[in-house]
Structures are given as structure tokens and as C-alpha cells.
Protein backbone atom coordinates (compact mmCIF):
# COMPACT_ATOMS: atom_id res chain seq x y z
CA MET A 1 90.84 -163.36 154.88
CA ASN A 2 94.56 -163.47 155.69
CA MET A 3 95.52 -160.17 157.44
CA ASN A 4 99.05 -160.07 156.02
CA THR A 5 97.80 -160.54 152.51
CA PHE A 6 95.16 -157.92 153.18
CA LEU A 7 97.68 -155.43 154.21
CA LEU A 8 100.02 -156.18 151.26
CA ALA A 9 97.04 -155.77 148.88
CA PHE A 10 96.14 -152.49 150.36
CA ILE A 11 99.76 -151.25 150.26
CA PHE A 12 100.07 -152.16 146.56
CA THR A 13 96.75 -150.41 145.84
CA LEU A 14 97.75 -147.24 147.85
CA ILE A 15 101.15 -147.03 146.07
CA ALA A 16 99.57 -147.44 142.67
CA GLY A 17 96.88 -144.80 143.36
CA LEU A 18 99.25 -142.29 144.87
CA ALA A 19 101.61 -142.58 141.83
CA THR A 20 99.57 -139.53 140.68
CA VAL A 21 101.45 -137.42 143.26
CA PHE A 22 104.63 -138.49 141.67
CA GLY A 23 103.38 -137.31 138.45
CA ALA A 24 102.69 -133.94 139.96
CA PHE A 25 106.25 -133.69 141.19
CA ILE A 26 107.59 -134.41 137.72
CA VAL A 27 105.59 -131.34 136.55
CA PHE A 28 107.52 -129.18 139.07
CA ILE A 29 111.09 -130.46 138.40
CA THR A 30 110.88 -130.34 134.62
CA ASN A 31 110.03 -127.69 132.10
CA GLN A 32 106.22 -127.48 132.58
CA HIS A 33 105.65 -126.45 129.00
CA ASN A 34 107.59 -129.43 127.63
CA TYR A 35 104.70 -131.58 126.57
CA ARG A 36 106.98 -134.18 124.96
CA ILE A 37 107.80 -135.40 128.41
CA LEU A 38 104.03 -136.03 128.93
CA ALA A 39 103.75 -137.67 125.59
CA ALA A 40 106.56 -140.13 126.32
CA GLY A 41 104.82 -140.94 129.63
CA LEU A 42 101.47 -141.46 127.91
CA GLY A 43 102.91 -143.76 125.28
CA PHE A 44 104.90 -145.73 127.77
CA SER A 45 101.98 -146.35 130.12
CA ALA A 46 99.80 -147.31 127.16
CA GLY A 47 102.34 -149.97 126.12
CA ALA A 48 102.69 -151.36 129.60
CA MET A 49 98.85 -151.52 130.02
CA ILE A 50 98.11 -153.09 126.70
CA TYR A 51 100.80 -155.71 127.15
CA ILE A 52 99.80 -156.78 130.67
CA SER A 53 96.18 -156.76 129.85
CA PHE A 54 96.48 -159.32 126.91
CA VAL A 55 99.43 -161.31 128.29
CA GLU A 56 98.48 -161.59 131.93
CA ILE A 57 95.20 -160.13 133.09
CA LEU A 58 92.73 -161.52 130.42
CA PRO A 59 94.31 -165.06 130.46
CA GLN A 60 93.94 -165.04 134.24
CA ALA A 61 90.33 -164.10 133.98
CA ILE A 62 89.59 -166.82 131.36
CA SER A 63 91.43 -169.42 133.50
CA GLY A 64 89.45 -168.50 136.49
CA PHE A 65 86.14 -168.74 134.64
CA GLU A 66 87.14 -172.12 133.10
CA LYS A 67 87.73 -173.60 136.62
CA MET A 68 84.04 -172.70 137.49
CA PHE A 69 82.52 -173.13 134.11
CA PRO A 70 84.58 -175.42 131.98
CA SER A 71 82.37 -175.35 129.00
CA TYR A 72 82.16 -171.73 128.38
CA GLY A 73 84.73 -170.08 130.60
CA GLU A 74 86.63 -168.56 127.64
CA ILE A 75 83.42 -167.02 126.33
CA LEU A 76 82.67 -165.46 129.80
CA GLY A 77 86.23 -164.01 129.93
CA ILE A 78 85.97 -162.43 126.41
CA CYS A 79 82.44 -161.03 127.17
CA GLY A 80 83.72 -159.52 130.46
CA PHE A 81 86.56 -157.92 128.51
CA PHE A 82 84.15 -156.21 126.10
CA ILE A 83 81.83 -155.20 128.91
CA GLY A 84 84.81 -153.48 130.45
CA VAL A 85 85.35 -151.63 127.07
CA ILE A 86 81.72 -150.61 126.99
CA LEU A 87 81.74 -149.33 130.63
CA SER A 88 84.82 -147.31 129.86
CA ALA A 89 83.30 -145.79 126.82
CA PHE A 90 80.23 -144.93 128.85
CA LEU A 91 82.24 -143.29 131.60
CA ASP A 92 84.18 -141.37 129.03
CA ARG A 93 81.00 -139.98 127.55
CA LEU A 94 80.07 -138.61 131.01
CA VAL A 95 83.07 -136.18 130.99
CA PRO A 96 82.81 -133.27 128.50
CA GLN A 97 85.67 -133.30 126.00
CA GLU A 98 87.01 -129.94 127.17
CA TYR A 99 87.68 -131.48 130.59
CA ASN A 100 89.32 -134.62 129.27
CA PRO A 101 92.50 -135.06 131.31
CA HIS A 102 94.54 -136.11 128.27
CA GLU A 103 93.88 -133.07 126.07
CA PRO A 104 96.38 -130.23 125.83
CA HIS A 105 95.12 -127.08 127.63
CA GLU A 106 97.86 -124.61 127.28
CA LYS A 107 95.70 -122.05 125.44
CA ALA A 108 93.01 -121.93 128.13
CA ASN A 109 92.74 -119.03 130.61
CA SER A 110 93.56 -119.38 134.33
CA SER A 111 89.97 -119.93 135.51
CA SER A 112 89.34 -122.51 132.79
CA LEU A 113 92.51 -124.28 133.60
CA GLN A 114 91.66 -124.68 137.29
CA ARG A 115 88.27 -126.11 136.42
CA ILE A 116 89.93 -128.43 133.84
CA GLY A 117 92.28 -129.67 136.64
CA LEU A 118 89.29 -130.29 139.02
CA MET A 119 87.31 -132.16 136.32
CA SER A 120 90.34 -134.08 135.27
CA ALA A 121 90.90 -135.23 138.88
CA ILE A 122 87.24 -136.42 139.09
CA ALA A 123 87.42 -138.25 135.71
CA ILE A 124 90.62 -140.03 136.61
CA GLY A 125 89.18 -140.89 140.06
CA VAL A 126 86.27 -142.63 138.40
CA HIS A 127 88.59 -144.69 136.21
CA ASN A 128 90.80 -145.53 139.22
CA PHE A 129 88.04 -146.99 141.38
CA PRO A 130 87.73 -150.21 139.50
CA GLU A 131 91.49 -150.45 139.03
CA GLY A 132 91.86 -150.36 142.82
CA PHE A 133 89.61 -153.40 143.16
CA ALA A 134 91.42 -155.27 140.46
CA THR A 135 94.81 -154.57 142.21
CA PHE A 136 93.47 -155.74 145.52
CA VAL A 137 91.91 -159.04 144.40
CA SER A 138 94.82 -159.86 142.15
CA THR A 139 97.14 -159.66 145.18
CA PHE A 140 94.98 -162.14 146.96
CA GLU A 141 95.09 -164.40 143.93
CA SER A 142 98.92 -164.02 143.76
CA PRO A 143 101.11 -161.35 145.38
CA THR A 144 103.47 -161.48 142.42
CA PHE A 145 100.72 -160.95 139.94
CA GLY A 146 99.16 -158.25 142.15
CA LEU A 147 102.53 -156.49 142.17
CA MET A 148 102.57 -156.46 138.40
CA ILE A 149 99.08 -155.04 138.25
CA ALA A 150 100.09 -152.38 140.67
CA ILE A 151 103.21 -151.53 138.70
CA ALA A 152 101.21 -151.23 135.48
CA ILE A 153 98.63 -149.03 137.00
CA ALA A 154 101.20 -146.92 138.81
CA ILE A 155 103.01 -146.33 135.48
CA HIS A 156 99.66 -145.32 133.98
CA ASN A 157 98.84 -143.04 136.93
CA ILE A 158 102.10 -140.98 136.76
CA PRO A 159 101.16 -139.26 133.51
CA GLU A 160 97.57 -138.99 134.80
CA GLY A 161 98.93 -137.03 137.74
CA MET A 162 100.87 -134.77 135.41
CA ALA A 163 97.74 -134.25 133.32
CA VAL A 164 95.90 -133.09 136.49
CA ALA A 165 98.75 -131.09 137.98
CA LEU A 166 99.63 -129.19 134.73
CA PRO A 167 96.50 -127.12 134.38
CA VAL A 168 96.14 -126.55 138.13
CA TYR A 169 99.67 -125.40 138.55
CA HIS A 170 99.50 -123.13 135.50
CA SER A 171 96.19 -121.55 136.78
CA SER A 172 97.10 -121.06 140.44
CA GLY A 173 100.88 -121.16 140.68
CA SER A 174 100.41 -123.31 143.78
CA TYR A 175 102.46 -126.44 144.29
CA LYS A 176 100.16 -127.54 147.20
CA LYS A 177 96.97 -127.20 145.19
CA ALA A 178 98.36 -129.20 142.26
CA ILE A 179 99.64 -131.93 144.56
CA LEU A 180 96.21 -132.00 146.37
CA TYR A 181 94.28 -132.42 143.14
CA SER A 182 96.61 -135.10 141.90
CA ALA A 183 96.25 -137.02 145.30
CA LEU A 184 92.52 -136.78 145.19
CA SER A 185 92.39 -138.36 141.81
CA GLY A 186 94.47 -141.28 143.01
CA ILE A 187 92.82 -141.85 146.31
CA ALA A 188 89.84 -143.55 144.57
CA GLU A 189 92.21 -146.49 143.96
CA PRO A 190 92.40 -147.64 147.73
CA LEU A 191 88.62 -146.59 148.08
CA GLY A 192 87.88 -149.19 145.22
CA ALA A 193 90.03 -151.76 147.02
CA MET A 194 88.09 -151.22 150.30
CA VAL A 195 84.72 -151.56 148.57
CA GLY A 196 85.94 -154.76 146.79
CA ALA A 197 87.39 -156.27 150.11
CA LEU A 198 84.49 -155.38 152.37
CA ILE A 199 81.50 -155.82 149.99
CA ILE A 200 82.04 -157.37 146.62
CA PHE A 201 84.58 -160.21 147.45
CA PRO A 202 82.64 -161.44 150.55
CA LEU A 203 79.35 -161.48 148.61
CA PHE A 204 80.51 -163.09 145.37
CA GLY A 205 83.73 -164.90 146.18
CA ASP A 206 86.15 -166.27 143.63
CA ILE A 207 83.97 -165.31 140.65
CA SER A 208 84.39 -161.61 141.53
CA VAL A 209 88.16 -162.06 140.97
CA SER A 210 87.68 -163.33 137.39
CA VAL A 211 85.02 -160.77 136.70
CA ALA A 212 87.26 -157.97 137.95
CA PHE A 213 90.20 -159.26 135.84
CA ALA A 214 88.12 -159.36 132.69
CA LEU A 215 86.61 -155.98 133.25
CA ILE A 216 89.90 -154.27 134.09
CA ALA A 217 91.60 -155.78 131.02
CA GLY A 218 88.87 -154.06 128.87
CA VAL A 219 89.15 -150.81 130.88
CA MET A 220 92.95 -150.63 130.44
CA VAL A 221 92.94 -151.43 126.80
CA PHE A 222 90.24 -148.83 126.13
CA ILE A 223 92.01 -146.12 128.11
CA SER A 224 95.28 -146.84 126.29
CA LEU A 225 93.73 -146.78 122.73
CA ASP A 226 91.09 -144.06 123.28
CA GLU A 227 93.03 -141.66 125.52
CA LEU A 228 96.64 -142.30 126.10
CA LEU A 229 97.92 -142.95 122.57
CA PRO A 230 95.96 -140.26 120.82
CA SER A 231 97.04 -137.76 123.48
CA ALA A 232 100.64 -138.89 123.22
CA ARG A 233 100.48 -138.15 119.58
CA GLU A 234 98.94 -134.76 120.15
CA TYR A 235 101.45 -133.64 122.80
CA GLY A 236 104.69 -135.06 121.12
CA LYS A 237 106.28 -135.51 117.72
CA SER A 238 105.13 -138.13 115.14
CA HIS A 239 106.99 -141.12 116.63
CA ASP A 240 107.21 -140.23 120.26
CA SER A 241 104.03 -142.28 121.15
CA LEU A 242 105.15 -145.35 119.07
CA TYR A 243 108.62 -145.37 120.75
CA GLY A 244 106.99 -144.96 124.25
CA LEU A 245 104.48 -147.67 123.39
CA PHE A 246 107.07 -150.38 122.66
CA LEU A 247 109.34 -149.31 125.43
CA GLY A 248 106.42 -149.78 127.83
CA MET A 249 105.74 -153.14 126.47
CA ALA A 250 109.40 -154.12 126.71
CA VAL A 251 109.71 -152.97 130.30
CA MET A 252 106.54 -154.79 131.33
CA ALA A 253 107.64 -158.04 129.51
CA VAL A 254 111.08 -158.00 131.19
CA SER A 255 109.44 -157.30 134.63
CA LEU A 256 107.05 -160.22 134.16
CA VAL A 257 109.80 -162.63 133.20
CA MET A 258 112.07 -161.54 136.13
CA LEU A 259 109.27 -161.81 138.70
CA LYS A 260 108.51 -165.37 137.58
CA MET A 261 112.20 -166.51 137.74
């Protein structure tokens, strides 16, 4: 395992994970009750994640499977995608709806808000764990591709950090506590990378990369359609989520083209 690539992969994963902290800072420097800002961020991140999942991540997974299993590589990639969707749905069921990090909580009392913030951080951390592994192994496959995965996940993690920081800050009035909770939700990203690098990748080799790509494509699309877009519509006005969606797709498309030039 090349040490320079290892360090680069870990740095990408760390930056993507700790983008949640940047989301917390946005809460502090803007009007904390202006949920349209959060709506725009959620729509934008959904667009970026859906675009890169279908245009880059899933095709990479299918290509990897086809190299090992030429006859049914595409089927394996598609199956992996839907397994990722099913896993996300299962994880989503484990978190009670009142603690969903993408639901508006402005009417809750202070004690409820703080618990919502903690549960949101845990829920986001669970989602971030496999994302960390995907970022890590994609960087080994191609540093440029790994960078794009990291950017997409970081964009997604910014509104996630806002979703954690908002209830914690409202309930406690503490900047430090809001930042801490947001950081804890993002730290699962590099933890997932370490587990992947030290255990999963050495045991299963190249096939683990294709499996990770297929799964994470399903996870990202599920999160976008089940959580980000519905929440964006809930927080903002009628077309805020749609504008954010297409803007996120456009930014990701331009970024992919520029990095390949």
C-alpha cells in the first residue's frame, strides 16, 4: 500500500467528514431561524450526490465488476446499488422519526432539542461510516476520482452539520457544544476509512472497491431522495429544493469535466 496515496486518501476522508463543522459555523454566522438557507443546502447536496452516483460511482462499480466477472459484472453492480438502498432504509428505520436530523425542530423545547442534536449526530455518524470507506478506496483507485467523491460527500455533510448544530445551539446557547456534536457526527468518516484500509481492503482486495462503490451509490441516492429533498421542501419555499437540486448537479458536472481536462 503506497504511503503517499494512503495519506492523501486519509486527508480527503478527513476533510469530507469534518465538513460538518463548517456547517455548524454557517449556523453561527447566519440567521439561525432562516431555514431557507438550510433548504438550499439540502437541495444542492442532493443534486450533487445523485449526479455523481449515477454518472461516476455506479459506472465505476460496474466497470470493476466486469473486469473480474465479464459475464455478469453489470448485474452485480446493479444488485450492489440496490443492496445499498436497502441498507440505508434499514439504518433509517433504526432512528426514531422525531430524531431524524433533517426534520425541522423549531417548536421543540430546550431539553428535547439537545437530545435531538445528539441523536442526529449519531444517525449521521452511522451514515458517514461507509462513506468514509468509499472515499478512501476511491482515492486508491484514482486520486482525481477520490477527490470528486470527497467533494460530493463534503457538500452533503455541510447541511448535515447545520442540522446537528441548529437544535444543539438553540437548546444550549453554546457554540462549543454545537461544534463538538457536529464534529462527532463527521469523525465517523475517517473511522470508516481506517476500518476499510486496515481490515476490509487487505482481506478482500479489489472486489471490495467495486462493492463499496455500488453500495455507496445506493446509499447516496437513498439519502438524497428519502431525506434531503423532502426536508428541503419542508424547510424552504416550493421551488427552493428544485433550484438547489439542479444547481448541485450543474456544479458537480462542471467539476467532473474540469478535473478530467
